[in-house]
């Protein structure tokens, strides 16, 4: 079984900046801007190092449209990768 990814796999064409009220995950998941592509690549690399149940739980929280939940999971991923 292929491991889950943090972000969806599809062709991205969105080049705008993030809207003020847009959830952070939604923007990261849809943007095709080069800095965001780099961020997604790094986060996917970090995420691939996490295994099992921890990966499923972290992915769920990371993909939240609630920015506080998303940022907490992002911080957890960052700490895990350090």
C-alpha atoms as a PDB file:
ATOM      1  CA  UNK A   1       0.000   0.000   0.000  1.00  0.00           C
ATOM      2  CA  UNK A   2       1.336   3.406  -0.999  1.00  0.00           C
ATOM      3  CA  UNK A   3       1.947   5.707   1.981  1.00  0.00           C
ATOM      4  CA  UNK A   4      -0.360   8.687   2.288  1.00  0.00           C
ATOM      5  CA  UNK A   5       0.869  12.124   1.381  1.00  0.00           C
ATOM      6  CA  UNK A   6       0.174  15.388   3.163  1.00  0.00           C
ATOM      7  CA  UNK A   7      -0.981  17.134   0.012  1.00  0.00           C
ATOM      8  CA  UNK A   8      -3.260  16.055  -2.814  1.00  0.00           C
ATOM      9  CA  UNK A   9      -1.714  15.071  -6.130  1.00  0.00           C
ATOM     10  CA  UNK A  10      -3.084  17.130  -9.017  1.00  0.00           C
ATOM     11  CA  UNK A  11      -1.902  19.741 -11.524  1.00  0.00           C
ATOM     12  CA  UNK A  12      -1.805  23.108  -9.763  1.00  0.00           C
ATOM     13  CA  UNK A  13      -2.378  26.356 -11.636  1.00  0.00           C
ATOM     14  CA  UNK A  14      -3.199  28.794  -8.810  1.00  0.00           C
ATOM     15  CA  UNK A  15      -0.659  31.660  -8.730  1.00  0.00           C
ATOM     16  CA  UNK A  16      -2.379  34.188  -6.479  1.00  0.00           C
ATOM     17  CA  UNK A  17      -1.286  35.035  -2.957  1.00  0.00           C
ATOM     18  CA  UNK A  18      -3.194  33.640  -0.001  1.00  0.00           C
ATOM     19  CA  UNK A  19      -6.514  35.289   0.785  1.00  0.00           C
ATOM     20  CA  UNK A  20      -6.719  36.649   4.320  1.00  0.00           C
ATOM     21  CA  UNK A  21      -9.527  34.315   5.421  1.00  0.00           C
ATOM     22  CA  UNK A  22      -8.337  31.273   3.465  1.00  0.00           C
ATOM     23  CA  UNK A  23      -7.238  28.302   5.559  1.00  0.00           C
ATOM     24  CA  UNK A  24      -3.462  27.858   5.421  1.00  0.00           C
ATOM     25  CA  UNK A  25      -3.680  24.211   4.407  1.00  0.00           C
ATOM     26  CA  UNK A  26      -6.079  24.995   1.561  1.00  0.00           C
ATOM     27  CA  UNK A  27      -3.654  27.573   0.176  1.00  0.00           C
ATOM     28  CA  UNK A  28      -0.611  25.317   0.519  1.00  0.00           C
ATOM     29  CA  UNK A  29      -2.501  22.505  -1.155  1.00  0.00           C
ATOM     30  CA  UNK A  30      -3.588  24.506  -4.219  1.00  0.00           C
ATOM     31  CA  UNK A  31      -0.841  27.044  -4.913  1.00  0.00           C
ATOM     32  CA  UNK A  32       1.547  26.568  -7.824  1.00  0.00           C
ATOM     33  CA  UNK A  33       3.860  29.403  -6.739  1.00  0.00           C
ATOM     34  CA  UNK A  34       7.511  28.284  -6.566  1.00  0.00           C
ATOM     35  CA  UNK A  35       8.042  29.060  -2.860  1.00  0.00           C
ATOM     36  CA  UNK A  36       4.937  27.062  -1.965  1.00  0.00           C
ATOM     37  CA  UNK A  37       6.044  24.158  -4.178  1.00  0.00           C
ATOM     38  CA  UNK A  38       9.347  24.126  -2.268  1.00  0.00           C
ATOM     39  CA  UNK A  39       7.527  24.167   1.071  1.00  0.00           C
ATOM     40  CA  UNK A  40       5.285  21.267   0.012  1.00  0.00           C
ATOM     41  CA  UNK A  41       8.301  19.259  -1.137  1.00  0.00           C
ATOM     42  CA  UNK A  42      10.100  19.751   2.173  1.00  0.00           C
ATOM     43  CA  UNK A  43       7.022  18.934   4.239  1.00  0.00           C
ATOM     44  CA  UNK A  44       6.379  15.764   2.211  1.00  0.00           C
ATOM     45  CA  UNK A  45       9.984  14.668   2.816  1.00  0.00           C
ATOM     46  CA  UNK A  46       9.611  15.222   6.552  1.00  0.00           C
ATOM     47  CA  UNK A  47       6.258  13.451   6.600  1.00  0.00           C
ATOM     48  CA  UNK A  48       7.618  10.392   4.791  1.00  0.00           C
ATOM     49  CA  UNK A  49       9.872   9.726   7.805  1.00  0.00           C
ATOM     50  CA  UNK A  50       6.877   9.216  10.124  1.00  0.00           C
ATOM     51  CA  UNK A  51       5.347   5.740  10.197  1.00  0.00           C
ATOM     52  CA  UNK A  52       2.124   4.004  11.165  1.00  0.00           C
ATOM     53  CA  UNK A  53      -0.633   5.387  13.345  1.00  0.00           C
ATOM     54  CA  UNK A  54       1.348   8.535  14.102  1.00  0.00           C
ATOM     55  CA  UNK A  55       1.416   9.368  10.392  1.00  0.00           C
ATOM     56  CA  UNK A  56      -2.350   8.961  10.011  1.00  0.00           C
ATOM     57  CA  UNK A  57      -3.135  11.163  13.025  1.00  0.00           C
ATOM     58  CA  UNK A  58      -0.630  13.859  12.065  1.00  0.00           C
ATOM     59  CA  UNK A  59      -1.882  13.928   8.470  1.00  0.00           C
ATOM     60  CA  UNK A  60      -5.452  14.396   9.628  1.00  0.00           C
ATOM     61  CA  UNK A  61      -4.560  17.310  11.875  1.00  0.00           C
ATOM     62  CA  UNK A  62      -2.198  18.875   9.310  1.00  0.00           C
ATOM     63  CA  UNK A  63      -4.943  18.878   6.668  1.00  0.00           C
ATOM     64  CA  UNK A  64      -7.366  20.707   8.961  1.00  0.00           C
ATOM     65  CA  UNK A  65      -8.986  23.891   7.707  1.00  0.00           C
ATOM     66  CA  UNK A  66      -8.725  25.209  11.255  1.00  0.00           C
ATOM     67  CA  UNK A  67      -5.436  27.153  11.211  1.00  0.00           C
ATOM     68  CA  UNK A  68      -4.656  26.494  14.887  1.00  0.00           C
ATOM     69  CA  UNK A  69      -4.945  22.731  14.396  1.00  0.00           C
ATOM     70  CA  UNK A  70      -2.953  22.922  11.151  1.00  0.00           C
ATOM     71  CA  UNK A  71      -0.168  25.000  12.701  1.00  0.00           C
ATOM     72  CA  UNK A  72       0.087  22.706  15.730  1.00  0.00           C
ATOM     73  CA  UNK A  73       0.543  19.721  13.403  1.00  0.00           C
ATOM     74  CA  UNK A  74       3.038  21.682  11.307  1.00  0.00           C
ATOM     75  CA  UNK A  75       5.061  22.471  14.420  1.00  0.00           C
ATOM     76  CA  UNK A  76       4.946  18.809  15.463  1.00  0.00           C
ATOM     77  CA  UNK A  77       6.203  17.791  12.016  1.00  0.00           C
ATOM     78  CA  UNK A  78       8.988  20.372  12.238  1.00  0.00           C
ATOM     79  CA  UNK A  79      10.086  19.192  15.685  1.00  0.00           C
ATOM     80  CA  UNK A  80      10.010  15.557  14.558  1.00  0.00           C
ATOM     81  CA  UNK A  81      12.220  16.365  11.560  1.00  0.00           C
ATOM     82  CA  UNK A  82      14.850  18.185  13.637  1.00  0.00           C
END
